[in-house]
């Protein structure tokens, strides 16, 4: 599914082993990084937007970035947790562009890989397990900095293990958008590369030599959304990341993404995320996460 040149650039943020005693209960968690869990013992539940998934020992679970979810645990429960951030690139972003199976059976090799990943990355454990203690911009930037300070050979080995673990989910993953037309692929790449700009339909049309009506129909057929809706979604995803990783005002971020009207940006942001930008920023920067 992924071409070699599209291999993702993954950054390890956190890894650790946690033991819970009915104290892993959090709601409305929504982060810019992905999570992988290897459950060892006990029982808990994962609440996702469209389902409630029971977590069992001997299984791997994945939660993509920007996925609203929660945890429920009323007994003993232990697991390895891995937090991963994907560097932003112009082309495909594996963590955001694919639909993954939530759960896969963990092989003996998977278990050994997770243990080894933990061993070669000391000091990456969470100090607290409450998302409000680590789902914030300063912690994210600190962990990314720590990654860049890692020895080259550890960094390469770490990325290799992360890719191996993700490969377990890739076998049954599917693209969120099954694009079969090369003209639309070219347009998508252009949108990604220029997402900070005010992209017009006219400049997209020039890329594929189609009439406006034909282009819009083809795009909607391939992507199941209109070109404008797709561009807006990608801009808001970028805004979500910028809000929690940059010390900038909502107004500045709106302007950087070519929104001339801040009120419109606020309305659009709420349409796609459920909250206005200032509330979203407060949730992560100040840890305003509801339990």
Foldseek 3Di string as FASTA:
>chain_A
DDDPVRPWDKAWQFKDKDKDAQPQWFFFDAAQWKKKKAWADDWWWKAFPVDIHIDDHQKIFMDFHRTGIIIGDNGITMIMMIIMHTDQDLADDVRPFKDWDGMDGHDPVLVVLSVVLDVLDPPRHDPDDQCLRQLFQVSVVVSRVVRVVDDPVNNVSNSVSVVVVVVRGVVPMDGLFQADDPLVSVLSSVLSVQQQEDDDLVVSCVSRVDDSVVVQVNNCVRGVDGPVVVSLVVLLSVLLVCLGNDPDDLVVSCVSSPNPDSVVVQVSNCVNNVHGSVVSSCCHNVVPGGD
